[in-house]
Amino acid sequence: MSLSTWYHVSFDDEKIYRETNPPNGEGWKDELYWKNIIRVCFKVGEDLFDNDEIYIFTDKREESYLIPTMADGGAEFWGEIIDRGLFDAELGIKVATGLEGLHCWP
């Protein structure tokens, strides 16, 4: 079962919403405010078939929020991160064109 069928991310002007319904586990949902984001990291997948991951850090908790780019709404969410200036656009282009590893901003 494809990740995009059970992991969903959406957003509005104030919040980001995550909702999951994994096939072999219990679903959950949560939300966070855009205004609380202090850092964004992007981890490039190992190959074309591996999922890229977005890690969102806020001033409300120590651990990050993970959002896979292959989630339903993941690509749109990444675009919004760039549009809001929460990740450097030039670095975003490098990541999209083959720069490997984990990259954070700021």
Protein backbone atom coordinates (compact mmCIF):
# COMPACT_ATOMS: atom_id res chain seq x y z
CA MET A 1 0.00 0.00 0.00
CA SER A 2 1.38 3.38 -1.05
CA LEU A 3 2.29 5.89 1.66
CA SER A 4 0.08 8.53 0.02
CA THR A 5 -3.00 6.38 0.66
CA TRP A 6 -2.61 6.48 4.44
CA TYR A 7 -0.38 9.46 5.38
CA HIS A 8 -1.97 12.87 4.72
CA VAL A 9 -0.65 16.37 5.28
CA SER A 10 -2.56 19.58 4.70
CA PHE A 11 -2.30 23.18 5.82
CA ASP A 12 -4.01 26.53 5.96
CA ASP A 13 -2.77 30.04 6.82
CA GLU A 14 -2.22 29.19 10.50
CA LYS A 15 -1.70 25.44 10.91
CA ILE A 16 -0.29 22.24 9.46
CA TYR A 17 -2.37 19.07 9.85
CA ARG A 18 -1.14 15.47 9.77
CA GLU A 19 -3.39 12.43 9.72
CA THR A 20 -2.40 8.79 9.33
CA ASN A 21 -4.30 5.53 8.95
CA PRO A 22 -1.56 2.91 8.45
CA PRO A 23 -2.68 -0.49 7.18
CA ASN A 24 -1.07 -2.42 10.05
CA GLY A 25 -1.37 0.00 12.92
CA GLU A 26 -3.41 2.55 14.76
CA GLY A 27 -4.02 5.88 13.07
CA TRP A 28 -3.42 9.27 14.64
CA LYS A 29 -3.64 12.95 13.83
CA ASP A 30 -2.04 16.14 15.07
CA GLU A 31 -1.49 19.75 14.11
CA LEU A 32 1.09 22.48 14.58
CA TYR A 33 1.25 26.21 14.00
CA TRP A 34 3.37 27.75 11.25
CA LYS A 35 4.39 30.53 13.67
CA ASN A 36 6.09 28.00 15.99
CA ILE A 37 8.50 26.64 13.36
CA ILE A 38 12.12 27.42 14.17
CA ARG A 39 13.98 25.05 11.83
CA VAL A 40 13.32 22.84 8.82
CA CYS A 41 15.48 19.93 7.67
CA PHE A 42 15.21 17.99 4.42
CA LYS A 43 16.65 14.48 4.18
CA VAL A 44 17.21 13.23 0.65
CA GLY A 45 16.24 9.59 0.08
CA GLU A 46 18.98 7.06 -0.67
CA ASP A 47 17.72 6.45 -4.23
CA LEU A 48 14.80 7.26 -6.53
CA PHE A 49 12.58 4.75 -4.74
CA ASP A 50 13.39 5.95 -1.21
CA ASN A 51 11.24 8.62 0.37
CA ASP A 52 12.59 12.14 0.99
CA GLU A 53 11.69 13.42 4.45
CA ILE A 54 10.92 16.85 5.89
CA TYR A 55 11.67 17.42 9.58
CA ILE A 56 9.91 20.36 11.22
CA PHE A 57 11.27 21.72 14.51
CA THR A 58 9.18 24.03 16.67
CA ASP A 59 9.66 26.01 19.84
CA LYS A 60 7.00 23.83 21.53
CA ARG A 61 8.83 20.49 21.77
CA GLU A 62 12.32 19.04 21.44
CA GLU A 63 11.58 16.34 18.88
CA SER A 64 10.75 17.10 15.28
CA TYR A 65 7.63 16.44 13.24
CA LEU A 66 8.34 14.12 10.30
CA ILE A 67 6.52 14.62 7.01
CA PRO A 68 7.42 12.31 4.10
CA THR A 69 7.35 14.03 0.73
CA MET A 70 5.49 11.03 -0.70
CA ALA A 71 2.61 11.59 1.73
CA ASP A 72 -0.64 12.86 0.25
CA GLY A 73 -0.04 16.63 0.14
CA GLY A 74 3.71 16.27 0.78
CA ALA A 75 4.87 18.01 -2.41
CA GLU A 76 2.45 20.90 -1.87
CA PHE A 77 3.61 21.19 1.73
CA TRP A 78 7.27 21.40 0.64
CA GLY A 79 6.36 24.16 -1.82
CA GLU A 80 4.66 26.09 0.98
CA ILE A 81 7.75 25.72 3.19
CA ILE A 82 9.83 27.35 0.43
CA ASP A 83 7.20 30.03 -0.28
CA ARG A 84 7.10 31.01 3.40
CA GLY A 85 10.90 31.34 3.53
CA LEU A 86 11.24 28.56 6.11
CA PHE A 87 13.88 26.82 3.97
CA ASP A 88 16.35 28.54 1.66
CA ALA A 89 15.06 28.44 -1.94
CA GLU A 90 18.54 28.03 -3.47
CA LEU A 91 19.33 25.14 -1.15
CA GLY A 92 15.90 23.70 -1.99
CA ILE A 93 16.83 23.71 -5.69
CA LYS A 94 20.14 21.97 -4.96
CA VAL A 95 18.35 19.34 -2.89
CA ALA A 96 15.83 18.78 -5.69
CA THR A 97 18.58 18.36 -8.28
CA GLY A 98 20.65 15.73 -6.56
CA LEU A 99 22.38 17.12 -3.46
CA GLU A 100 22.52 14.17 -1.05
CA GLY A 101 22.20 13.99 2.72
CA LEU A 102 20.44 15.97 5.43
CA HIS A 103 20.13 19.76 4.99
CA CYS A 104 18.71 22.20 7.54
CA TRP A 105 17.63 25.84 7.54
CA PRO A 106 18.50 27.93 9.44
